[in-house]
Amino acid sequence: MKKYFVTLMFTIVMLFSVFPQDRTPPAMISVKSPYYEVLFDGGSADAALLSREMEGRFEAYKRLFHFNPQDLTVPFKVRAYRNKQDYDAYVAARLGGTRPGVVYLHYNQPERRELVIHRGSPDEATMLPHQAFIQYFRGFIPYPPSWMREGFAIYFNTLTFNPASPGTALAYKENLTWLDTVKGLGNKAPALQAVLLADRDGIPDPKNFPGISWSLISFFLNSGKEDYFRILIESFMLLSRSASAMGNAEAVANHIARWIDLDTLAQDYKAYMASRKTFAQLLDEGQKAYIAKDTPTAELAFLNALGLEADHFEPYYYLGLLAFEGKEYELAEHYYRSALQYGADQALVSYALGLNAVEAGRNADAIGFLEKAKVLAPARYTQLVDRIIQQLR
């Protein structure tokens, strides 16, 4: 009887600590889909939207990992709060403290695991992709190798959801936030074997371990060598739902070493990382090549920059300049208009469009573009525009 009384009092204390006396637990709307159950204290439309996003993420992960959905004993649970106080109270009751934005709560019992979201918080956009992947991965493999867990979470952190788009509405852009840091480690970077066996021997360089793990994932996926990609995919099949993180890490490391000499792996990894360039590096390389009149190098650098940031105006503008100098006026206009679409200086690009139209023999269009540049930035363009228009007339 005494034990029952203590348990009851503990439960009452926990309830009051989660939701103070002047607050009651919010009513939660439940939306169930093939692989998720979303609980949300907001409207049903927003709950359905969150459900659609999570299902889209699941499908994106499944295309790479091919885990069997039938292995799930219960759907993934997602709990979302609009109110920060409710979110903080719920998380604090389980972790003993709050966490910003989004947190995945992992337990040995699958039915207790859940992703908890402060809906609309400043941290949601960056933390949801990261934590959503961890929920997926640990749902199938409760204790994966640390380098896989951390590396893939960063890899998928730029898988973004656009509610205005049809279908799953997910778009992926390669995440290069760690590239400069990892490249800067140079010879101070831990050996790859130490990264692969971090769960057995201890995490090497804990501060940079997530970024190093991401770089290894990027290498296996994007090196261009089929053997590395194949070995990574085969490694997924070796992961065990019942094994510890150390057991899974050893199984994967042994499989890799069985097929590839680790010294060769290290050399290929270093060469791959040396070849990777950030968006800023590619822009700088392209600009220097443009000034040096090295058109092929400049064009390649700007095209590669677009491969990383397709919605940034600067590569489009420089590609427009290159096309203009190559007398490809229609192509130049296409690039200039794209630069405008993504936020380039309207006066600058209008002036460039005007010069391009002049060379293409479209004087009426040229005057319109030039006059617009003059109106937008009179101090910069009045004298230049007046002189050109006078010559055209």
Protein backbone atom coordinates (compact mmCIF):
# COMPACT_ATOMS: atom_id res chain seq x y z
CA MET A 1 0.00 0.00 0.00
CA LYS A 2 2.83 2.37 0.87
CA LYS A 3 4.54 1.65 -2.47
CA TYR A 4 1.27 2.35 -4.33
CA PHE A 5 0.84 5.67 -2.46
CA VAL A 6 4.39 6.80 -3.31
CA THR A 7 3.86 5.92 -6.98
CA LEU A 8 0.56 7.82 -7.03
CA MET A 9 2.09 10.90 -5.41
CA PHE A 10 4.99 10.82 -7.89
CA THR A 11 2.52 10.73 -10.78
CA ILE A 12 0.60 13.70 -9.39
CA VAL A 13 3.81 15.71 -8.89
CA MET A 14 4.89 14.95 -12.45
CA LEU A 15 1.55 16.07 -13.85
CA PHE A 16 1.75 19.36 -11.96
CA SER A 17 5.35 19.87 -13.12
CA VAL A 18 4.38 19.26 -16.75
CA PHE A 19 1.31 21.48 -16.72
CA PRO A 20 0.95 24.02 -13.88
CA GLN A 21 -2.30 24.40 -11.97
CA ASP A 22 -3.49 27.23 -14.20
CA ARG A 23 -2.93 25.17 -17.35
CA THR A 24 -4.42 21.92 -18.57
CA PRO A 25 -2.84 19.58 -21.12
CA PRO A 26 -3.90 20.76 -24.59
CA ALA A 27 -6.25 18.64 -26.63
CA MET A 28 -4.34 16.89 -29.39
CA ILE A 29 -5.62 16.19 -32.89
CA SER A 30 -4.48 12.79 -34.20
CA VAL A 31 -3.69 12.22 -37.88
CA LYS A 32 -2.66 8.72 -38.92
CA SER A 33 -0.88 7.88 -42.17
CA PRO A 34 0.91 4.74 -43.43
CA TYR A 35 4.03 5.21 -41.31
CA TYR A 36 3.29 8.05 -38.88
CA GLU A 37 0.88 9.16 -36.22
CA VAL A 38 0.91 12.94 -35.79
CA LEU A 39 -0.46 14.47 -32.59
CA PHE A 40 -0.94 18.22 -32.79
CA ASP A 41 -2.54 20.82 -30.56
CA GLY A 42 -3.39 23.02 -33.56
CA GLY A 43 -5.81 22.74 -36.44
CA SER A 44 -6.47 19.58 -38.43
CA ALA A 45 -5.17 21.17 -41.66
CA ASP A 46 -1.75 21.87 -40.12
CA ALA A 47 -1.66 18.40 -38.59
CA ALA A 48 -2.37 16.89 -42.03
CA LEU A 49 0.35 19.08 -43.55
CA LEU A 50 2.89 17.87 -41.00
CA SER A 51 1.81 14.29 -41.67
CA ARG A 52 2.35 14.80 -45.41
CA GLU A 53 5.83 16.19 -44.76
CA MET A 54 6.84 13.25 -42.57
CA GLU A 55 5.59 10.70 -45.08
CA GLY A 56 7.59 12.48 -47.79
CA ARG A 57 10.72 12.31 -45.67
CA PHE A 58 10.14 8.61 -45.06
CA GLU A 59 9.93 7.96 -48.80
CA ALA A 60 13.15 9.92 -49.40
CA TYR A 61 15.02 7.90 -46.77
CA LYS A 62 13.58 4.63 -48.05
CA ARG A 63 14.97 5.24 -51.54
CA LEU A 64 18.49 5.04 -50.09
CA PHE A 65 18.22 2.60 -47.19
CA HIS A 66 15.50 0.19 -48.33
CA PHE A 67 14.67 -0.85 -44.78
CA ASN A 68 11.59 -3.06 -44.68
CA PRO A 69 8.58 -1.06 -43.38
CA GLN A 70 7.08 -4.32 -42.09
CA ASP A 71 9.82 -4.32 -39.44
CA LEU A 72 8.05 -1.42 -37.72
CA THR A 73 5.94 -2.70 -34.86
CA VAL A 74 4.24 0.68 -34.35
CA PRO A 75 4.01 3.84 -36.49
CA PHE A 76 6.49 6.62 -35.88
CA LYS A 77 4.96 9.12 -33.46
CA VAL A 78 5.25 12.88 -33.93
CA ARG A 79 3.96 15.24 -31.24
CA ALA A 80 3.74 18.94 -32.13
CA TYR A 81 2.91 21.98 -29.98
CA ARG A 82 2.22 25.52 -31.12
CA ASN A 83 2.72 26.84 -27.60
CA LYS A 84 6.31 26.99 -26.38
CA GLN A 85 5.31 26.61 -22.75
CA ASP A 86 3.49 23.35 -23.50
CA TYR A 87 6.41 22.09 -25.59
CA ASP A 88 8.97 22.96 -22.91
CA ALA A 89 6.87 21.37 -20.17
CA TYR A 90 6.43 18.13 -22.08
CA VAL A 91 10.12 17.82 -22.97
CA ALA A 92 11.32 18.84 -19.50
CA ALA A 93 9.19 16.15 -17.88
CA ARG A 94 11.03 13.53 -19.94
CA LEU A 95 14.55 14.90 -20.17
CA GLY A 96 14.82 16.99 -17.02
CA GLY A 97 15.39 20.13 -19.10
CA THR A 98 14.22 21.87 -22.24
CA ARG A 99 15.57 21.55 -25.77
CA PRO A 100 15.15 24.14 -28.54
CA GLY A 101 12.80 23.54 -31.42
CA VAL A 102 12.74 19.80 -32.06
CA VAL A 103 13.91 16.77 -30.12
CA TYR A 104 13.71 13.03 -30.74
CA LEU A 105 13.03 10.97 -27.61
CA HIS A 106 14.37 7.43 -27.94
CA TYR A 107 13.37 4.61 -25.61
CA ASN A 108 13.85 0.86 -25.71
CA GLN A 109 10.10 0.44 -26.10
CA PRO A 110 9.14 1.48 -29.67
CA GLU A 111 5.70 2.69 -28.60
CA ARG A 112 7.28 5.34 -26.34
CA ARG A 113 9.60 6.82 -28.96
CA GLU A 114 8.51 10.13 -30.43
CA LEU A 115 9.62 13.23 -32.25
CA VAL A 116 8.50 16.34 -30.33
CA ILE A 117 8.24 19.65 -32.20
CA HIS A 118 7.68 23.24 -31.18
CA ARG A 119 5.71 24.13 -34.30
CA GLY A 120 6.69 27.51 -35.75
CA SER A 121 9.77 27.96 -33.57
CA PRO A 122 12.88 29.63 -35.05
CA ASP A 123 14.78 26.33 -34.74
CA GLU A 124 12.18 24.11 -36.40
CA ALA A 125 13.38 24.59 -39.99
CA THR A 126 16.96 23.52 -39.24
CA MET A 127 16.32 20.94 -36.52
CA LEU A 128 13.33 19.05 -37.92
CA PRO A 129 15.20 17.51 -40.90
CA HIS A 130 18.06 16.43 -38.62
CA GLN A 131 15.90 14.90 -35.90
CA ALA A 132 13.39 13.39 -38.35
CA PHE A 133 16.15 11.36 -39.94
CA ILE A 134 17.42 10.14 -36.57
CA GLN A 135 13.88 9.04 -35.70
CA TYR A 136 13.67 7.08 -38.97
CA PHE A 137 17.13 5.51 -38.67
CA ARG A 138 16.80 4.50 -35.03
CA GLY A 139 13.30 3.22 -35.67
CA PHE A 140 14.81 0.47 -37.81
CA ILE A 141 18.28 0.26 -36.23
CA PRO A 142 18.03 1.36 -32.59
CA TYR A 143 21.82 1.58 -32.18
CA PRO A 144 23.53 2.36 -35.49
CA PRO A 145 27.22 3.25 -35.81
CA SER A 146 27.73 6.82 -34.61
CA TRP A 147 29.38 7.95 -37.84
CA MET A 148 26.39 6.78 -39.87
CA ARG A 149 23.87 8.37 -37.50
CA GLU A 150 25.63 11.73 -37.35
CA GLY A 151 26.80 11.78 -40.96
CA PHE A 152 23.45 10.98 -42.53
CA ALA A 153 21.60 13.35 -40.20
CA ILE A 154 23.77 16.18 -41.57
CA TYR A 155 23.48 14.84 -45.12
CA PHE A 156 19.67 14.98 -44.95
CA ASN A 157 19.56 18.26 -43.05
CA THR A 158 18.97 20.16 -46.30
CA LEU A 159 16.01 18.02 -47.35
CA THR A 160 13.41 20.78 -47.21
CA PHE A 161 9.63 20.77 -47.40
CA ASN A 162 7.63 23.29 -49.41
CA PRO A 163 3.94 23.09 -48.46
CA ALA A 164 2.93 25.01 -51.56
CA SER A 165 4.32 22.31 -53.86
CA PRO A 166 2.23 19.29 -54.87
CA GLY A 167 2.89 15.73 -53.77
CA THR A 168 5.60 15.19 -51.19
CA ALA A 169 6.93 18.69 -51.91
CA LEU A 170 10.48 17.87 -50.78
CA ALA A 171 13.63 19.26 -52.37
CA TYR A 172 17.23 18.32 -51.66
CA LYS A 173 20.31 20.53 -51.87
CA GLU A 174 23.69 19.17 -50.84
CA ASN A 175 24.68 20.24 -47.36
CA LEU A 176 28.21 21.69 -47.39
CA THR A 177 28.18 23.54 -44.08
CA TRP A 178 30.97 21.37 -42.69
CA LEU A 179 33.14 21.35 -45.80
CA ASP A 180 35.48 24.21 -44.86
CA THR A 181 35.92 22.88 -41.33
CA VAL A 182 36.75 19.35 -42.42
CA LYS A 183 39.10 20.50 -45.18
CA GLY A 184 40.81 22.76 -42.65
CA LEU A 185 41.66 19.82 -40.39
CA GLY A 186 44.22 18.54 -42.89
CA ASN A 187 46.62 16.06 -41.29
CA LYS A 188 45.01 16.68 -37.88
CA ALA A 189 41.90 14.79 -38.95
CA PRO A 190 41.46 11.43 -37.21
CA ALA A 191 42.19 8.26 -39.14
CA LEU A 192 39.17 6.87 -40.96
CA GLN A 193 39.41 3.61 -39.04
CA ALA A 194 39.07 5.59 -35.80
CA VAL A 195 35.89 7.18 -37.17
CA LEU A 196 34.46 3.84 -38.30
CA LEU A 197 35.15 2.27 -34.88
CA ALA A 198 34.26 5.28 -32.72
CA ASP A 199 31.66 3.24 -30.82
CA ARG A 200 34.33 0.74 -29.77
CA ASP A 201 37.37 2.93 -29.18
CA GLY A 202 35.80 6.29 -28.28
CA ILE A 203 34.75 9.30 -30.35
CA PRO A 204 37.80 10.92 -32.00
CA ASP A 205 37.78 14.72 -32.11
CA PRO A 206 34.27 15.04 -30.59
CA LYS A 207 33.91 18.68 -31.64
CA ASN A 208 34.35 17.87 -35.33
CA PHE A 209 33.13 14.27 -35.33
CA PRO A 210 29.71 15.13 -36.87
CA GLY A 211 31.36 16.97 -39.76
CA ILE A 212 33.95 14.27 -40.31
CA SER A 213 31.17 11.68 -40.34
CA TRP A 214 29.28 13.73 -42.93
CA SER A 215 32.39 13.97 -45.11
CA LEU A 216 32.77 10.19 -45.05
CA ILE A 217 29.12 9.74 -46.07
CA SER A 218 29.60 12.28 -48.86
CA PHE A 219 32.68 10.41 -50.05
CA PHE A 220 30.95 7.02 -50.19
CA LEU A 221 27.95 8.49 -52.04
CA ASN A 222 29.66 10.93 -54.39
CA SER A 223 33.21 9.73 -55.07
CA GLY A 224 32.18 8.48 -58.51
CA LYS A 225 33.66 5.06 -57.76
CA GLU A 226 31.00 2.37 -57.85
CA ASP A 227 32.80 0.12 -55.35
CA TYR A 228 32.50 2.68 -52.57
CA PHE A 229 28.82 3.28 -53.17
CA ARG A 230 28.15 -0.47 -53.34
CA ILE A 231 29.99 -1.15 -50.09
CA LEU A 232 27.98 1.54 -48.28
CA ILE A 233 24.68 0.10 -49.51
CA GLU A 234 25.77 -3.41 -48.52
CA SER A 235 26.65 -2.07 -45.08
CA PHE A 236 23.02 -1.13 -44.47
CA MET A 237 22.08 -4.80 -44.81
CA LEU A 238 24.61 -5.74 -42.13
CA LEU A 239 23.07 -3.47 -39.51
CA SER A 240 21.21 -5.41 -36.84
CA ARG A 241 18.15 -4.30 -34.90
CA SER A 242 19.39 -6.23 -31.87
CA ALA A 243 23.08 -5.26 -31.93
CA SER A 244 24.76 -2.54 -29.91
CA ALA A 245 26.27 0.49 -31.62
CA MET A 246 29.68 -1.11 -31.12
CA GLY A 247 28.51 -4.38 -32.68
CA ASN A 248 27.04 -2.62 -35.70
CA ALA A 249 30.13 -0.43 -36.09
CA GLU A 250 32.44 -3.44 -36.03
CA ALA A 251 30.30 -5.33 -38.56
CA VAL A 252 30.39 -2.40 -40.99
CA ALA A 253 34.11 -1.67 -40.49
CA ASN A 254 35.00 -5.32 -41.03
CA HIS A 255 32.94 -5.44 -44.20
CA ILE A 256 34.65 -2.34 -45.58
CA ALA A 257 38.13 -3.67 -44.71
CA ARG A 258 37.29 -7.02 -46.32
CA TRP A 259 36.77 -5.41 -49.71
CA ILE A 260 38.98 -2.31 -49.71
CA ASP A 261 42.49 -1.67 -48.44
CA LEU A 262 42.12 0.99 -45.75
CA ASP A 263 45.22 2.88 -46.92
CA THR A 264 43.71 3.10 -50.40
CA LEU A 265 40.43 4.21 -48.87
CA ALA A 266 42.21 6.97 -46.93
CA GLN A 267 44.06 8.19 -50.03
CA ASP A 268 40.90 8.26 -52.14
CA TYR A 269 39.01 10.05 -49.36
CA LYS A 270 41.70 12.74 -49.07
CA ALA A 271 41.72 13.25 -52.84
CA TYR A 272 37.93 13.53 -52.84
CA MET A 273 37.88 16.11 -50.06
CA ALA A 274 40.61 18.13 -51.76
CA SER A 275 38.50 18.22 -54.91
CA ARG A 276 35.37 19.49 -53.15
CA LYS A 277 34.83 23.25 -53.25
CA THR A 278 32.31 25.42 -51.49
CA PHE A 279 29.98 27.80 -53.29
CA ALA A 280 32.15 30.75 -52.20
CA GLN A 281 35.31 29.04 -53.46
CA LEU A 282 33.73 28.35 -56.84
CA LEU A 283 32.55 31.94 -57.16
CA ASP A 284 36.03 33.22 -56.32
CA GLU A 285 37.62 30.83 -58.80
CA GLY A 286 35.17 31.86 -61.51
CA GLN A 287 35.66 35.58 -60.90
CA LYS A 288 39.45 35.27 -61.06
CA ALA A 289 39.22 33.25 -64.26
CA TYR A 290 36.79 35.81 -65.74
CA ILE A 291 39.20 38.68 -65.00
CA ALA A 292 42.03 36.64 -66.51
CA LYS A 293 39.92 36.04 -69.66
CA ASP A 294 40.03 32.28 -69.04
CA THR A 295 36.52 31.68 -70.27
CA PRO A 296 36.37 27.84 -70.06
CA THR A 297 37.58 27.80 -66.45
CA ALA A 298 35.25 30.63 -65.47
CA GLU A 299 32.23 29.01 -67.10
CA LEU A 300 32.90 25.65 -65.45
CA ALA A 301 33.31 27.27 -62.02
CA PHE A 302 30.05 29.22 -62.30
CA LEU A 303 28.14 26.18 -63.58
CA ASN A 304 29.47 24.13 -60.67
CA ALA A 305 28.44 26.92 -58.32
CA LEU A 306 24.91 26.69 -59.70
CA GLY A 307 25.01 22.98 -58.94
CA LEU A 308 25.37 23.91 -55.27
CA GLU A 309 23.17 27.03 -55.12
CA ALA A 310 20.69 26.99 -57.99
CA ASP A 311 18.76 29.91 -56.49
CA HIS A 312 21.68 32.34 -56.10
CA PHE A 313 21.88 35.23 -58.57
CA GLU A 314 25.64 35.66 -58.85
CA PRO A 315 26.55 32.65 -61.04
CA TYR A 316 23.73 33.55 -63.44
CA TYR A 317 24.99 37.10 -63.76
CA TYR A 318 28.55 36.04 -64.57
CA LEU A 319 27.35 33.38 -66.99
CA GLY A 320 25.39 36.15 -68.67
CA LEU A 321 28.56 38.21 -69.01
CA LEU A 322 30.40 35.23 -70.50
CA ALA A 323 27.60 34.56 -72.99
CA PHE A 324 27.52 38.25 -73.94
CA GLU A 325 31.25 38.29 -74.59
CA GLY A 326 30.80 35.14 -76.68
CA LYS A 327 28.13 36.96 -78.74
CA GLU A 328 25.44 34.52 -77.56
CA TYR A 329 22.94 37.27 -76.87
CA GLU A 330 19.83 35.13 -76.42
CA LEU A 331 21.62 32.94 -73.88
CA ALA A 332 23.01 36.02 -72.12
CA GLU A 333 19.50 37.43 -71.73
CA HIS A 334 18.32 34.13 -70.26
CA TYR A 335 21.07 34.22 -67.62
CA TYR A 336 20.49 37.90 -66.84
CA ARG A 337 16.78 37.37 -66.35
CA SER A 338 17.52 34.40 -64.10
CA ALA A 339 19.83 36.61 -62.05
CA LEU A 340 16.98 39.10 -61.63
CA GLN A 341 14.62 36.31 -60.58
CA TYR A 342 16.96 35.36 -57.74
CA GLY A 343 17.57 38.82 -56.37
CA ALA A 344 20.36 40.48 -58.37
CA ASP A 345 20.75 44.28 -58.38
CA GLN A 346 17.96 45.35 -60.76
CA ALA A 347 19.77 48.44 -61.99
CA LEU A 348 22.98 46.52 -62.74
CA VAL A 349 21.21 43.74 -64.62
CA SER A 350 18.91 46.14 -66.47
CA TYR A 351 22.00 47.96 -67.73
CA ALA A 352 23.54 44.63 -68.78
CA LEU A 353 20.31 43.66 -70.56
CA GLY A 354 20.38 47.00 -72.34
CA LEU A 355 23.93 46.51 -73.62
CA ASN A 356 23.04 42.96 -74.66
CA ALA A 357 20.00 44.18 -76.63
CA VAL A 358 22.15 46.85 -78.32
CA GLU A 359 24.58 44.21 -79.59
CA ALA A 360 21.67 41.97 -80.66
CA GLY A 361 20.29 44.84 -82.78
CA ARG A 362 17.13 45.31 -80.68
CA ASN A 363 17.37 49.03 -80.13
CA ALA A 364 13.84 49.57 -78.81
CA ASP A 365 14.32 46.89 -76.15
CA ALA A 366 17.75 48.28 -75.37
CA ILE A 367 16.38 51.76 -74.69
CA GLY A 368 13.72 50.32 -72.37
CA PHE A 369 16.29 48.37 -70.32
CA LEU A 370 18.71 51.31 -70.17
CA GLU A 371 16.03 53.78 -69.11
CA LYS A 372 15.04 51.42 -66.31
CA ALA A 373 18.65 51.23 -65.09
CA LYS A 374 18.80 55.04 -65.13
CA VAL A 375 15.59 55.34 -63.08
CA LEU A 376 16.70 52.72 -60.54
CA ALA A 377 20.21 54.11 -60.02
CA PRO A 378 20.52 57.59 -61.54
CA ALA A 379 23.88 58.37 -59.94
CA ARG A 380 25.45 55.30 -61.49
CA TYR A 381 23.86 55.20 -64.90
CA THR A 382 22.48 58.60 -66.03
CA GLN A 383 25.55 59.71 -67.99
CA LEU A 384 26.26 56.24 -69.40
CA VAL A 385 22.66 55.65 -70.46
CA ASP A 386 22.17 59.12 -71.98
CA ARG A 387 25.29 58.71 -74.09
CA ILE A 388 24.30 55.26 -75.38
CA ILE A 389 20.69 56.26 -76.13
CA GLN A 390 21.87 59.35 -77.98
CA GLN A 391 24.01 57.14 -80.22
CA LEU A 392 21.12 54.74 -80.83
CA ARG A 393 18.79 57.53 -81.90
